[in-house]
């Protein structure tokens, strides 16, 4: 099957030549496999490479593009244009630092998107069919279908296996919005094919994808209308943290239509889209040149023959236990097809669990993973563990410590004072149960707290760890200081005062 990506330029041709080469010849199966991996996104690639590296005989099957969403339509292309938009904003804001941009500056959207495609193509060899063949893995391009308990079929070939793992991921799915089926719209799978900047763009959904793209296109020069059913943006995050990001989006010109009700869509002249919605009791009727739908995901379970092998699934995905085993004891699953955490790094570590449990009889648990995540707006919003409302819902009493970046010297000097580090600990202890960071590099900063949570290092130890000055990460250490001050009770302070008075 020949595959191409739009625009069909030299960069996308180079990408496809790596991740779904048109002249690829599937191997002839030679005996049973220890592990058959279905799907070559992050989870599948890690499963295949890890198992083969340990000596297993592995088959890897992919029906579309190796690298999955992350390389082709997710993390890589999105951060490629997010980085460009940050440069545009830096130029715009340069006068705040005493730097005058004589003559101004403009965004060449076509060149920006070409840069993204070029860089994506440069990363593609890491996920290529040829590379994984070189790792000793039998790579098959085509649709996989289970035949029975120990056999799967692809491209007319029958593969026998001891264990299999489903890593087919998920895809964008259209939500039930009146009129959506009558208009042309973009998803995360198609927005990176744009070559011309839309003058006006509507975005439905103020989750991470919606917020990142809203800010990015606003910085490029589009008039952006961001529609969200709930109040504010990023509804799953700490509300104060989300409001900090919202202020930045508004500064960039994003029009937020939240608490949206009665959303309807209709075709307009010239291929445009008419968007009507009620936001805070005010009606909006906007015509946009492009529409991005950034809500709705569906697991890729069709055509696999899961019913034949007793693998249960529903609209949320394949059902697995804590060891990532499906309802068929010889078949496992990892990544977006079965996980509530649809992140590349989560898929990576779920794959490692599958290798242990499927090949070596391990009992590793997905619930033991400490999974951070980040929304790559500016400022970034990163998080690990629980936020306060979730802790309350679970009946977990917490103490909360917050350090505002407005009081951190490096943040002041960088002009990035609108942010914070917030850490929740189990009440009366220094055991961290969750944290949220809003900062320019929050995605990098959260790793220190994730490390502490993973290895049971309390907030006290973070407070006693020297951090270089001046850095924004010093804010994390200062949160530790806030905790340590709570240990100085009035009684302890009085006792020390008496001791020091006696020593004078």
Protein backbone atom coordinates (compact mmCIF):
# COMPACT_ATOMS: atom_id res chain seq x y z
CA UNK A 1 0.00 0.00 0.00
CA UNK A 2 1.44 3.36 -1.08
CA UNK A 3 1.12 6.15 1.48
CA UNK A 4 1.88 9.84 1.20
CA UNK A 5 1.43 12.83 3.49
CA UNK A 6 0.26 16.30 2.56
CA UNK A 7 1.90 18.39 1.34
CA UNK A 8 3.71 15.81 -0.76
CA UNK A 9 7.02 17.70 -0.67
CA UNK A 10 10.58 16.41 -0.37
CA UNK A 11 10.45 16.43 3.43
CA UNK A 12 7.28 14.37 3.72
CA UNK A 13 8.51 12.03 1.01
CA UNK A 14 11.66 11.52 3.05
CA UNK A 15 9.56 10.91 6.18
CA UNK A 16 7.41 8.27 4.50
CA UNK A 17 10.46 6.59 2.97
CA UNK A 18 11.57 5.80 6.52
CA UNK A 19 8.31 5.00 8.31
CA UNK A 20 6.37 3.28 5.51
CA UNK A 21 8.66 2.68 2.53
CA UNK A 22 6.70 1.87 -0.62
CA UNK A 23 9.16 -0.83 -1.70
CA UNK A 24 9.21 -2.65 1.64
CA UNK A 25 9.18 -6.43 1.39
CA UNK A 26 7.62 -8.22 4.34
CA UNK A 27 9.72 -11.16 5.55
CA UNK A 28 8.62 -14.78 5.39
CA UNK A 29 7.82 -16.05 8.91
CA UNK A 30 10.39 -18.57 10.11
CA UNK A 31 9.07 -20.38 13.15
CA UNK A 32 7.18 -19.02 16.18
CA UNK A 33 7.88 -15.64 17.74
CA UNK A 34 8.38 -14.99 21.42
CA UNK A 35 6.50 -11.72 20.95
CA UNK A 36 4.34 -10.27 18.20
CA UNK A 37 3.90 -6.51 18.57
CA UNK A 38 0.92 -4.94 16.79
CA UNK A 39 1.39 -1.23 16.25
CA UNK A 40 4.64 0.69 15.83
CA UNK A 41 3.97 3.81 17.85
CA UNK A 42 5.98 4.54 20.97
CA UNK A 43 4.67 1.57 22.98
CA UNK A 44 5.18 -0.87 20.10
CA UNK A 45 8.65 0.37 19.23
CA UNK A 46 9.82 0.16 22.84
CA UNK A 47 8.30 -3.31 23.25
CA UNK A 48 9.93 -4.58 20.07
CA UNK A 49 13.36 -3.04 20.61
CA UNK A 50 13.49 -3.96 24.29
CA UNK A 51 12.42 -7.56 23.75
CA UNK A 52 14.78 -8.07 20.81
CA UNK A 53 17.62 -6.57 22.81
CA UNK A 54 17.05 -9.21 25.47
CA UNK A 55 17.23 -12.02 22.94
CA UNK A 56 13.58 -12.53 22.05
CA UNK A 57 12.43 -13.34 18.54
CA UNK A 58 10.13 -10.44 17.71
CA UNK A 59 7.72 -9.47 14.94
CA UNK A 60 6.55 -5.86 14.63
CA UNK A 61 3.44 -5.06 12.58
CA UNK A 62 2.34 -1.59 11.46
CA UNK A 63 -0.50 -0.81 9.06
CA UNK A 64 0.23 2.89 8.60
CA UNK A 65 3.22 5.00 9.72
CA UNK A 66 5.89 3.76 12.09
CA UNK A 67 6.50 6.22 14.89
CA UNK A 68 2.76 6.54 15.50
CA UNK A 69 1.12 9.78 16.57
CA UNK A 70 4.17 11.13 18.39
CA UNK A 71 6.45 11.37 15.39
CA UNK A 72 3.92 11.97 12.64
CA UNK A 73 1.00 13.99 14.01
CA UNK A 74 1.69 14.63 17.68
CA UNK A 75 4.58 15.65 19.89
CA UNK A 76 7.18 16.20 17.18
CA UNK A 77 5.27 18.41 14.71
CA UNK A 78 3.38 20.28 17.44
CA UNK A 79 6.51 21.23 19.34
CA UNK A 80 8.14 22.13 16.05
CA UNK A 81 5.60 24.90 15.47
CA UNK A 82 5.23 25.79 19.16
CA UNK A 83 8.95 26.60 19.22
CA UNK A 84 8.55 28.84 16.18
CA UNK A 85 5.63 30.66 17.78
CA UNK A 86 7.73 31.27 20.89
CA UNK A 87 10.35 32.96 18.75
CA UNK A 88 7.68 35.14 17.21
CA UNK A 89 6.45 36.17 20.66
CA UNK A 90 10.02 36.85 21.81
CA UNK A 91 10.49 39.24 18.90
CA UNK A 92 7.15 40.91 19.66
CA UNK A 93 8.07 41.35 23.32
CA UNK A 94 11.67 42.44 22.72
CA UNK A 95 10.92 46.16 23.44
CA UNK A 96 10.09 45.18 27.04
CA UNK A 97 13.78 44.36 27.40
CA UNK A 98 14.95 47.58 25.78
CA UNK A 99 15.51 45.95 22.39
CA UNK A 100 13.97 47.86 19.51
CA UNK A 101 12.99 45.92 16.41
CA UNK A 102 13.41 48.60 13.76
CA UNK A 103 11.24 47.77 10.81
CA UNK A 104 9.35 45.12 12.77
CA UNK A 105 9.13 41.43 11.96
CA UNK A 106 6.70 39.10 10.21
CA UNK A 107 5.89 35.40 10.32
CA UNK A 108 6.42 33.34 7.15
CA UNK A 109 3.97 30.57 7.97
CA UNK A 110 4.93 28.47 4.95
CA UNK A 111 8.59 28.54 5.96
CA UNK A 112 7.69 27.74 9.56
CA UNK A 113 5.72 24.66 8.53
CA UNK A 114 8.45 23.59 6.10
CA UNK A 115 10.99 23.79 8.93
CA UNK A 116 8.77 21.52 11.02
CA UNK A 117 8.47 18.99 8.20
CA UNK A 118 12.22 19.06 7.60
CA UNK A 119 13.01 18.46 11.27
CA UNK A 120 10.39 15.72 11.55
CA UNK A 121 11.89 13.95 8.56
CA UNK A 122 15.30 14.23 10.22
CA UNK A 123 14.02 12.49 13.34
CA UNK A 124 12.21 9.76 11.38
CA UNK A 125 15.20 7.36 10.98
CA UNK A 126 14.97 6.65 14.73
CA UNK A 127 11.56 5.04 14.13
CA UNK A 128 12.22 3.63 10.67
CA UNK A 129 11.45 0.17 9.37
CA UNK A 130 15.08 -0.22 8.30
CA UNK A 131 16.41 0.61 11.76
CA UNK A 132 14.18 -1.94 13.47
CA UNK A 133 15.06 -4.55 10.89
CA UNK A 134 18.68 -3.84 11.81
CA UNK A 135 17.83 -4.60 15.45
CA UNK A 136 16.93 -8.15 14.40
CA UNK A 137 13.17 -7.56 14.35
CA UNK A 138 10.93 -8.89 11.58
CA UNK A 139 9.01 -5.79 10.43
CA UNK A 140 5.70 -6.32 8.64
CA UNK A 141 3.74 -3.49 7.03
CA UNK A 142 0.05 -4.25 6.77
CA UNK A 143 -3.14 -4.86 8.76
CA UNK A 144 -2.83 -7.40 11.55
CA UNK A 145 -5.69 -9.73 12.44
CA UNK A 146 -5.79 -12.39 15.11
CA UNK A 147 -6.77 -15.81 13.82
CA UNK A 148 -6.78 -17.76 17.08
CA UNK A 149 -4.99 -18.06 20.42
CA UNK A 150 -1.49 -18.24 18.94
CA UNK A 151 -1.71 -16.96 15.38
CA UNK A 152 -1.99 -13.57 13.73
CA UNK A 153 -2.25 -12.79 10.03
CA UNK A 154 -0.70 -9.90 8.08
CA UNK A 155 -0.38 -9.39 4.33
CA UNK A 156 -1.37 -13.00 3.65
CA UNK A 157 1.26 -14.35 6.03
CA UNK A 158 0.49 -16.24 9.24
CA UNK A 159 2.66 -15.56 12.28
CA UNK A 160 2.72 -17.89 15.27
CA UNK A 161 3.48 -16.41 18.68
CA UNK A 162 3.87 -17.26 22.34
CA UNK A 163 2.82 -13.79 23.51
CA UNK A 164 1.38 -10.77 21.71
CA UNK A 165 0.96 -7.13 22.65
CA UNK A 166 -1.56 -4.67 21.21
CA UNK A 167 -0.04 -1.19 20.79
CA UNK A 168 -2.34 0.22 18.13
CA UNK A 169 -2.91 3.57 19.84
CA UNK A 170 -5.87 5.90 19.40
CA UNK A 171 -7.07 8.43 16.87
CA UNK A 172 -9.01 11.67 16.74
CA UNK A 173 -12.76 11.06 16.90
CA UNK A 174 -15.52 13.49 15.99
CA UNK A 175 -17.66 14.55 18.98
CA UNK A 176 -21.47 14.86 18.55
CA UNK A 177 -21.63 18.54 17.59
CA UNK A 178 -24.60 19.62 15.49
CA UNK A 179 -23.42 20.45 11.98
CA UNK A 180 -19.93 19.02 12.33
CA UNK A 181 -20.68 16.42 9.66
CA UNK A 182 -21.54 19.23 7.22
CA UNK A 183 -18.26 21.16 7.41
CA UNK A 184 -14.59 20.57 6.75
CA UNK A 185 -12.52 20.44 9.91
CA UNK A 186 -9.00 19.70 11.06
CA UNK A 187 -7.78 17.40 13.84
CA UNK A 188 -4.32 16.89 15.28
CA UNK A 189 -3.83 14.42 12.42
CA UNK A 190 -4.35 17.02 9.69
CA UNK A 191 -3.53 20.46 11.10
CA UNK A 192 0.20 19.98 10.47
CA UNK A 193 -0.51 19.65 6.74
CA UNK A 194 -1.44 23.34 6.50
CA UNK A 195 0.73 25.49 4.24
CA UNK A 196 -1.20 28.76 4.54
CA UNK A 197 -2.01 30.59 7.77
CA UNK A 198 -5.76 30.83 8.34
CA UNK A 199 -6.84 34.41 8.94
CA UNK A 200 -9.43 33.22 11.47
CA UNK A 201 -9.44 29.81 13.14
CA UNK A 202 -11.94 28.23 15.50
CA UNK A 203 -10.71 25.62 17.97
CA UNK A 204 -13.08 23.36 19.85
CA UNK A 205 -11.71 22.09 23.15
CA UNK A 206 -9.43 23.91 25.60
CA UNK A 207 -7.45 20.88 26.68
CA UNK A 208 -3.69 20.65 26.07
CA UNK A 209 -3.90 20.36 22.26
CA UNK A 210 -6.46 23.12 21.96
CA UNK A 211 -4.54 25.52 24.19
CA UNK A 212 -1.17 24.85 22.56
CA UNK A 213 -2.55 25.37 19.07
CA UNK A 214 -4.66 28.39 20.08
CA UNK A 215 -1.63 30.22 21.43
CA UNK A 216 0.58 29.13 18.55
CA UNK A 217 -1.76 30.29 15.80
CA UNK A 218 -2.52 33.53 17.63
CA UNK A 219 1.21 34.24 17.79
CA UNK A 220 1.51 33.50 14.09
CA UNK A 221 -1.17 36.12 13.43
CA UNK A 222 -4.48 34.24 13.21
CA UNK A 223 -7.58 35.50 14.97
CA UNK A 224 -8.38 32.59 17.28
CA UNK A 225 -11.69 31.58 18.86
CA UNK A 226 -11.22 28.87 21.50
CA UNK A 227 -14.46 27.14 22.53
CA UNK A 228 -14.68 25.17 25.77
CA UNK A 229 -17.78 23.65 27.40
CA UNK A 230 -16.45 24.08 30.94
CA UNK A 231 -15.28 27.24 32.68
CA UNK A 232 -11.79 28.44 31.83
CA UNK A 233 -9.20 26.21 30.16
CA UNK A 234 -7.39 22.96 30.98
CA UNK A 235 -10.29 21.64 33.10
CA UNK A 236 -8.29 18.74 34.54
CA UNK A 237 -5.59 20.98 36.04
CA UNK A 238 -5.22 23.10 39.17
CA UNK A 239 -7.59 26.02 38.64
CA UNK A 240 -5.17 28.75 39.68
CA UNK A 241 -2.47 27.26 37.48
CA UNK A 242 -4.84 27.08 34.51
CA UNK A 243 -5.88 30.70 35.04
CA UNK A 244 -2.22 31.75 34.80
CA UNK A 245 -1.94 30.06 31.42
CA UNK A 246 -5.24 31.63 30.35
CA UNK A 247 -3.92 35.13 31.06
CA UNK A 248 -1.00 34.42 28.75
CA UNK A 249 -3.32 33.14 26.00
CA UNK A 250 -5.43 36.26 26.28
CA UNK A 251 -2.31 38.43 26.06
CA UNK A 252 -1.56 36.68 22.78
CA UNK A 253 -5.03 37.55 21.51
CA UNK A 254 -6.90 34.27 21.98
CA UNK A 255 -10.65 34.77 22.31
CA UNK A 256 -11.93 32.26 24.86
CA UNK A 257 -15.59 31.28 24.60
CA UNK A 258 -15.90 29.11 27.70
CA UNK A 259 -18.94 27.67 29.44
CA UNK A 260 -19.99 27.16 25.84
CA UNK A 261 -23.56 26.02 25.25
CA UNK A 262 -25.64 25.24 22.18
CA UNK A 263 -22.61 25.01 19.91
CA UNK A 264 -23.60 24.56 16.27
CA UNK A 265 -21.61 24.54 13.04
CA UNK A 266 -22.62 25.22 9.46
CA UNK A 267 -20.94 25.69 6.08
CA UNK A 268 -20.23 29.26 4.97
CA UNK A 269 -19.17 30.76 1.66
CA UNK A 270 -15.75 29.90 0.29
CA UNK A 271 -15.34 26.74 2.34
CA UNK A 272 -15.49 28.65 5.62
CA UNK A 273 -17.26 27.50 8.76
CA UNK A 274 -19.95 29.35 10.67
CA UNK A 275 -19.58 28.80 14.41
CA UNK A 276 -22.38 29.75 16.78
CA UNK A 277 -22.18 29.32 20.54
CA UNK A 278 -23.55 30.77 23.78
CA UNK A 279 -20.77 31.80 26.20
CA UNK A 280 -21.64 33.28 29.59
CA UNK A 281 -25.14 34.08 28.34
CA UNK A 282 -23.80 35.99 25.33
CA UNK A 283 -24.35 34.69 21.85
CA UNK A 284 -21.46 34.51 19.37
CA UNK A 285 -21.79 34.03 15.63
CA UNK A 286 -18.35 33.81 14.01
CA UNK A 287 -17.22 32.75 10.57
CA UNK A 288 -13.78 31.14 10.51
CA UNK A 289 -11.52 30.06 7.67
CA UNK A 290 -10.49 26.86 9.43
CA UNK A 291 -11.85 24.75 12.27
CA UNK A 292 -9.75 22.53 14.54
CA UNK A 293 -11.54 19.91 16.62
CA UNK A 294 -9.30 19.21 19.60
CA UNK A 295 -11.59 16.94 21.61
CA UNK A 296 -12.48 13.29 21.25
CA UNK A 297 -10.30 10.19 20.95
CA UNK A 298 -11.13 6.64 19.93
CA UNK A 299 -9.00 3.50 20.42
CA UNK A 300 -7.76 1.71 17.30
CA UNK A 301 -9.35 -1.70 17.80
CA UNK A 302 -11.12 -2.25 14.48
CA UNK A 303 -10.04 -5.04 12.18
CA UNK A 304 -7.84 -6.79 14.73
CA UNK A 305 -10.16 -9.75 15.29
CA UNK A 306 -10.13 -9.24 19.05
CA UNK A 307 -13.45 -11.05 19.40
CA UNK A 308 -11.84 -14.24 18.03
CA UNK A 309 -9.28 -14.34 20.83
CA UNK A 310 -11.44 -13.17 23.74
CA UNK A 311 -9.88 -9.75 24.17
CA UNK A 312 -12.49 -7.44 25.68
CA UNK A 313 -12.65 -3.76 24.75
CA UNK A 314 -15.05 -0.83 24.89
CA UNK A 315 -15.14 2.74 23.60
CA UNK A 316 -12.29 3.65 25.98
CA UNK A 317 -10.03 0.93 24.67
CA UNK A 318 -8.72 -2.55 25.35
CA UNK A 319 -9.36 -3.74 28.90
CA UNK A 320 -6.23 -4.65 30.85
CA UNK A 321 -5.39 -5.52 34.42
CA UNK A 322 -2.71 -3.82 36.49
CA UNK A 323 -0.08 -6.03 34.85
CA UNK A 324 -1.27 -4.88 31.38
CA UNK A 325 -2.62 -8.33 30.52
CA UNK A 326 -5.85 -8.37 28.51
CA UNK A 327 -8.69 -10.82 29.10
CA UNK A 328 -6.63 -13.28 27.03
CA UNK A 329 -3.71 -14.37 29.23
CA UNK A 330 -1.31 -14.53 26.25
CA UNK A 331 -2.10 -11.06 24.95
CA UNK A 332 -1.04 -7.78 26.56
CA UNK A 333 -1.64 -4.14 25.65
CA UNK A 334 0.24 -0.89 26.15
CA UNK A 335 -0.05 2.77 25.22
CA UNK A 336 -3.02 4.85 24.14
CA UNK A 337 -5.14 1.84 23.15
CA UNK A 338 -5.58 0.94 26.82
CA UNK A 339 -4.27 3.79 28.97
CA UNK A 340 -6.01 6.82 30.50
CA UNK A 341 -2.61 8.55 30.30
CA UNK A 342 -2.20 9.21 26.59
CA UNK A 343 1.37 10.44 26.64
CA UNK A 344 4.46 9.21 24.80
CA UNK A 345 6.42 8.78 28.03
CA UNK A 346 3.58 6.81 29.62
CA UNK A 347 3.48 4.47 26.60
CA UNK A 348 7.25 4.03 26.88
CA UNK A 349 7.14 2.86 30.48
CA UNK A 350 4.04 0.73 29.99
CA UNK A 351 5.95 -1.08 27.24
CA UNK A 352 8.75 -1.83 29.69
CA UNK A 353 6.20 -3.41 32.02
CA UNK A 354 4.92 -5.60 29.18
CA UNK A 355 8.43 -6.86 28.42
CA UNK A 356 8.93 -7.89 32.04
CA UNK A 357 5.53 -9.49 32.46
CA UNK A 358 4.99 -11.11 29.06
CA UNK A 359 8.46 -12.56 28.51
CA UNK A 360 9.78 -13.17 31.99
CA UNK A 361 6.72 -13.84 34.12
CA UNK A 362 7.12 -10.56 35.97
CA UNK A 363 4.50 -8.91 38.13
CA UNK A 364 5.27 -5.26 37.44
CA UNK A 365 2.26 -2.98 37.88
CA UNK A 366 1.13 0.00 35.85
CA UNK A 367 -0.30 1.55 39.00
CA UNK A 368 3.23 1.80 40.38
CA UNK A 369 4.21 4.30 37.67
CA UNK A 370 4.54 7.95 38.65
CA UNK A 371 3.53 9.75 35.47
CA UNK A 372 4.13 13.48 34.98
CA UNK A 373 2.76 15.50 32.09
CA UNK A 374 3.04 18.95 30.60
CA UNK A 375 1.03 21.35 28.47
CA UNK A 376 3.47 23.22 26.24
CA UNK A 377 1.90 26.63 26.26
CA UNK A 378 3.94 29.61 27.41
CA UNK A 379 4.17 29.46 30.33
CA UNK A 380 4.15 25.68 30.42
CA UNK A 381 1.94 23.89 32.93
CA UNK A 382 3.32 20.62 34.25
CA UNK A 383 1.92 18.25 36.81
CA UNK A 384 2.59 14.99 38.61
CA UNK A 385 0.35 13.17 41.05
CA UNK A 386 -2.77 14.70 42.56
CA UNK A 387 -4.12 18.22 42.61
CA UNK A 388 -5.87 19.39 45.77
CA UNK A 389 -9.42 18.74 44.54
CA UNK A 390 -8.50 15.16 43.59
CA UNK A 391 -6.90 14.56 46.98
CA UNK A 392 -10.08 15.77 48.68
CA UNK A 393 -12.21 13.50 46.48
CA UNK A 394 -10.05 10.55 47.50
CA UNK A 395 -10.26 11.49 51.19
CA UNK A 396 -6.55 12.31 51.39
CA UNK A 397 -5.79 15.21 53.73
CA UNK A 398 -2.94 17.36 52.42
CA UNK A 399 -0.82 20.34 53.32
CA UNK A 400 -0.10 22.62 50.38
CA UNK A 401 2.98 24.79 49.85
CA UNK A 402 3.19 27.35 47.03
CA UNK A 403 6.10 29.45 45.83
CA UNK A 404 5.18 32.25 43.43
CA UNK A 405 7.70 32.95 40.69
CA UNK A 406 7.16 36.67 41.31
CA UNK A 407 9.45 36.20 44.34
CA UNK A 408 12.13 34.19 42.52
CA UNK A 409 15.05 36.30 41.28
CA UNK A 410 15.70 34.42 38.02
CA UNK A 411 12.03 34.66 37.07
CA UNK A 412 12.09 38.40 37.73
CA UNK A 413 15.16 38.83 35.53
CA UNK A 414 13.68 36.72 32.74
CA UNK A 415 10.39 38.59 32.85
CA UNK A 416 8.59 35.34 33.66
CA UNK A 417 7.01 36.18 37.01
CA UNK A 418 3.56 34.83 36.22
CA UNK A 419 3.92 31.29 37.52
CA UNK A 420 4.34 29.12 40.57
CA UNK A 421 5.51 25.87 42.08
CA UNK A 422 2.84 24.15 44.19
CA UNK A 423 3.43 20.93 46.10
CA UNK A 424 0.94 18.86 48.09
CA UNK A 425 2.14 16.57 50.88
CA UNK A 426 0.22 14.10 53.01
CA UNK A 427 -0.95 16.09 56.01
CA UNK A 428 1.53 16.17 58.86
CA UNK A 429 4.29 14.58 56.74
CA UNK A 430 6.67 15.59 53.94
CA UNK A 431 5.52 12.77 51.62
CA UNK A 432 4.71 14.35 48.26
CA UNK A 433 1.37 13.31 46.75
CA UNK A 434 1.30 15.79 43.88
CA UNK A 435 2.70 18.96 42.38
CA UNK A 436 1.89 21.56 39.74
CA UNK A 437 4.36 23.95 38.14
CA UNK A 438 3.64 26.95 35.93
CA UNK A 439 6.87 28.29 34.44
CA UNK A 440 8.72 28.78 31.18
CA UNK A 441 10.35 25.35 31.51
CA UNK A 442 7.84 23.65 33.77
CA UNK A 443 8.12 20.40 31.78
CA UNK A 444 11.78 20.15 32.71
CA UNK A 445 11.30 21.31 36.29
CA UNK A 446 8.63 18.74 37.17
CA UNK A 447 11.14 15.90 36.77
CA UNK A 448 12.81 16.75 40.07
CA UNK A 449 9.56 16.24 41.93
CA UNK A 450 8.73 13.13 39.90
CA UNK A 451 12.09 11.67 40.90
CA UNK A 452 11.37 12.44 44.54
CA UNK A 453 7.93 10.81 44.38
CA UNK A 454 9.21 7.75 42.52
CA UNK A 455 11.94 7.09 45.08
CA UNK A 456 10.10 8.23 48.22
CA UNK A 457 12.17 11.34 48.84
CA UNK A 458 10.21 13.80 50.92
CA UNK A 459 9.89 17.56 50.57
CA UNK A 460 12.30 17.98 53.46
CA UNK A 461 15.11 16.46 51.40
CA UNK A 462 14.33 18.72 48.45
CA UNK A 463 14.60 21.69 50.79
CA UNK A 464 18.02 20.54 51.94
CA UNK A 465 19.34 20.09 48.38
CA UNK A 466 21.50 22.91 47.02
CA UNK A 467 20.17 24.40 43.78
CA UNK A 468 22.23 26.80 41.65
CA UNK A 469 21.39 30.48 41.95
CA UNK A 470 19.81 32.12 40.08
CA UNK A 471 17.55 29.53 38.47
CA UNK A 472 13.81 29.07 38.29
CA UNK A 473 14.29 25.56 39.73
CA UNK A 474 15.33 27.27 42.95
CA UNK A 475 11.58 27.76 43.46
CA UNK A 476 11.29 24.01 44.06
CA UNK A 477 13.92 24.17 46.80
CA UNK A 478 12.12 27.14 48.34
CA UNK A 479 8.93 25.10 48.56
CA UNK A 480 10.99 22.68 50.64
CA UNK A 481 11.97 25.61 52.83
CA UNK A 482 8.30 26.46 53.32
CA UNK A 483 7.71 22.94 54.58
CA UNK A 484 10.72 23.03 56.90
CA UNK A 485 9.46 26.24 58.50
CA UNK A 486 6.29 24.47 59.58
CA UNK A 487 8.43 22.19 61.74
CA UNK A 488 9.49 25.19 63.81
CA UNK A 489 6.57 25.08 66.23
CA UNK A 490 6.08 27.86 68.82
CA UNK A 491 7.26 25.46 71.53
CA UNK A 492 10.43 24.56 69.58
CA UNK A 493 11.14 28.20 68.81
CA UNK A 494 10.73 29.17 72.48
CA UNK A 495 13.03 26.37 73.57
CA UNK A 496 15.73 27.50 71.12
CA UNK A 497 15.38 31.10 72.27
CA UNK A 498 16.00 30.01 75.87
CA UNK A 499 18.98 27.89 74.82
CA UNK A 500 20.55 30.73 72.87
CA UNK A 501 19.88 33.21 75.66
CA UNK A 502 21.66 30.86 78.10
CA UNK A 503 24.61 30.61 75.66
CA UNK A 504 25.11 34.38 75.43
